[in-house]
Amino acid sequence: MGIFSAVLGLPLAPVRGVVWIAEIVRRQVDEELYSPAAFRRRLENIEEARASGQISDEEAAAAEEQVVAMMTGRGTSGGTE
């Protein structure tokens, strides 16, 4: 039965490969987006933008709230627009 399964499953090998790569990419993206270091970088970027006058205090507060919501799982949108 093993050789029969292998022969019939061979056409699906490229699909399995794509699914495997997609899973690896998804894990990497999740790690980069939701790691503590990523949240810290976002907060630091917000603070730098506020300090340099690129965004107002109100915009910085809203962006920080969005990052905190993402950290706690309450927010699903990304970015600090």
C-alpha atoms as a PDB file:
ATOM      1  CA  MET A   1       0.000   0.000   0.000  1.00  0.00           C
ATOM      2  CA  GLY A   2       2.918   2.397   0.636  1.00  0.00           C
ATOM      3  CA  ILE A   3       4.139   2.485  -2.952  1.00  0.00           C
ATOM      4  CA  PHE A   4       0.562   2.846  -4.225  1.00  0.00           C
ATOM      5  CA  SER A   5      -0.006   5.845  -1.924  1.00  0.00           C
ATOM      6  CA  ALA A   6       3.290   7.379  -2.987  1.00  0.00           C
ATOM      7  CA  VAL A   7       2.450   7.117  -6.676  1.00  0.00           C
ATOM      8  CA  LEU A   8      -1.039   8.553  -6.235  1.00  0.00           C
ATOM      9  CA  GLY A   9       0.203  11.250  -3.854  1.00  0.00           C
ATOM     10  CA  LEU A  10       3.028  12.393  -6.119  1.00  0.00           C
ATOM     11  CA  PRO A  11       0.909  14.919  -8.046  1.00  0.00           C
ATOM     12  CA  LEU A  12       0.050  16.583  -4.721  1.00  0.00           C
ATOM     13  CA  ALA A  13       3.698  17.053  -3.732  1.00  0.00           C
ATOM     14  CA  PRO A  14       3.935  20.632  -5.119  1.00  0.00           C
ATOM     15  CA  VAL A  15       0.783  21.602  -3.231  1.00  0.00           C
ATOM     16  CA  ARG A  16       2.156  20.145  -0.009  1.00  0.00           C
ATOM     17  CA  GLY A  17       5.372  22.075  -0.577  1.00  0.00           C
ATOM     18  CA  VAL A  18       3.520  25.356  -1.057  1.00  0.00           C
ATOM     19  CA  VAL A  19       1.407  24.733   2.048  1.00  0.00           C
ATOM     20  CA  TRP A  20       4.536  23.945   4.066  1.00  0.00           C
ATOM     21  CA  ILE A  21       6.257  27.155   2.890  1.00  0.00           C
ATOM     22  CA  ALA A  22       3.125  29.198   3.586  1.00  0.00           C
ATOM     23  CA  GLU A  23       3.011  27.835   7.134  1.00  0.00           C
ATOM     24  CA  ILE A  24       6.649  28.781   7.701  1.00  0.00           C
ATOM     25  CA  VAL A  25       6.035  32.289   6.349  1.00  0.00           C
ATOM     26  CA  ARG A  26       2.929  32.681   8.542  1.00  0.00           C
ATOM     27  CA  ARG A  27       4.859  31.651  11.649  1.00  0.00           C
ATOM     28  CA  GLN A  28       7.672  34.078  10.813  1.00  0.00           C
ATOM     29  CA  VAL A  29       5.230  36.950  10.249  1.00  0.00           C
ATOM     30  CA  ASP A  30       3.430  36.189  13.515  1.00  0.00           C
ATOM     31  CA  GLU A  31       6.750  36.144  15.338  1.00  0.00           C
ATOM     32  CA  GLU A  32       7.819  39.467  13.839  1.00  0.00           C
ATOM     33  CA  LEU A  33       4.474  41.186  14.334  1.00  0.00           C
ATOM     34  CA  TYR A  34       3.573  39.934  17.787  1.00  0.00           C
ATOM     35  CA  SER A  35       6.912  39.547  19.545  1.00  0.00           C
ATOM     36  CA  PRO A  36       7.621  41.746  22.563  1.00  0.00           C
ATOM     37  CA  ALA A  37      10.535  43.299  20.677  1.00  0.00           C
ATOM     38  CA  ALA A  38       8.235  44.318  17.825  1.00  0.00           C
ATOM     39  CA  PHE A  39       5.818  46.017  20.232  1.00  0.00           C
ATOM     40  CA  ARG A  40       8.698  47.798  21.912  1.00  0.00           C
ATOM     41  CA  ARG A  41      10.013  49.024  18.528  1.00  0.00           C
ATOM     42  CA  ARG A  42       6.551  50.334  17.633  1.00  0.00           C
ATOM     43  CA  LEU A  43       6.283  52.222  20.906  1.00  0.00           C
ATOM     44  CA  GLU A  44       9.794  53.631  20.479  1.00  0.00           C
ATOM     45  CA  ASN A  45       8.976  54.760  16.926  1.00  0.00           C
ATOM     46  CA  ILE A  46       5.846  56.491  18.179  1.00  0.00           C
ATOM     47  CA  GLU A  47       7.814  58.263  20.890  1.00  0.00           C
ATOM     48  CA  GLU A  48      10.490  59.361  18.404  1.00  0.00           C
ATOM     49  CA  ALA A  49       7.853  60.683  16.002  1.00  0.00           C
ATOM     50  CA  ARG A  50       6.173  62.570  18.838  1.00  0.00           C
ATOM     51  CA  ALA A  51       9.460  64.008  20.088  1.00  0.00           C
ATOM     52  CA  SER A  52      10.445  65.177  16.601  1.00  0.00           C
ATOM     53  CA  GLY A  53       7.062  66.785  16.007  1.00  0.00           C
ATOM     54  CA  GLN A  54       5.984  64.440  13.217  1.00  0.00           C
ATOM     55  CA  ILE A  55       2.825  63.548  15.131  1.00  0.00           C
ATOM     56  CA  SER A  56       0.878  65.348  17.829  1.00  0.00           C
ATOM     57  CA  ASP A  57       0.515  64.204  21.410  1.00  0.00           C
ATOM     58  CA  GLU A  58      -3.054  63.102  20.667  1.00  0.00           C
ATOM     59  CA  GLU A  59      -1.942  61.058  17.632  1.00  0.00           C
ATOM     60  CA  ALA A  60       0.838  59.498  19.691  1.00  0.00           C
ATOM     61  CA  ALA A  61      -1.597  58.574  22.451  1.00  0.00           C
ATOM     62  CA  ALA A  62      -3.975  56.993  19.931  1.00  0.00           C
ATOM     63  CA  ALA A  63      -1.124  55.051  18.297  1.00  0.00           C
ATOM     64  CA  GLU A  64       0.126  53.868  21.694  1.00  0.00           C
ATOM     65  CA  GLU A  65      -3.389  52.728  22.609  1.00  0.00           C
ATOM     66  CA  GLN A  66      -3.535  50.772  19.357  1.00  0.00           C
ATOM     67  CA  VAL A  67      -0.213  49.052  20.123  1.00  0.00           C
ATOM     68  CA  VAL A  68      -1.341  48.223  23.661  1.00  0.00           C
ATOM     69  CA  ALA A  69      -4.610  46.829  22.273  1.00  0.00           C
ATOM     70  CA  MET A  70      -2.619  44.605  19.914  1.00  0.00           C
ATOM     71  CA  MET A  71      -0.393  43.490  22.787  1.00  0.00           C
ATOM     72  CA  THR A  72      -3.372  42.504  24.882  1.00  0.00           C
ATOM     73  CA  GLY A  73      -5.196  40.867  21.998  1.00  0.00           C
ATOM     74  CA  ARG A  74      -7.976  43.437  21.832  1.00  0.00           C
ATOM     75  CA  GLY A  75      -6.850  44.918  18.509  1.00  0.00           C
ATOM     76  CA  THR A  76      -6.421  43.226  15.145  1.00  0.00           C
ATOM     77  CA  SER A  77      -5.243  46.047  12.916  1.00  0.00           C
ATOM     78  CA  GLY A  78      -1.561  46.699  12.401  1.00  0.00           C
ATOM     79  CA  GLY A  79       0.522  49.783  11.949  1.00  0.00           C
ATOM     80  CA  THR A  80       0.894  53.137  13.653  1.00  0.00           C
ATOM     81  CA  GLU A  81      -0.475  55.414  10.961  1.00  0.00           C
END
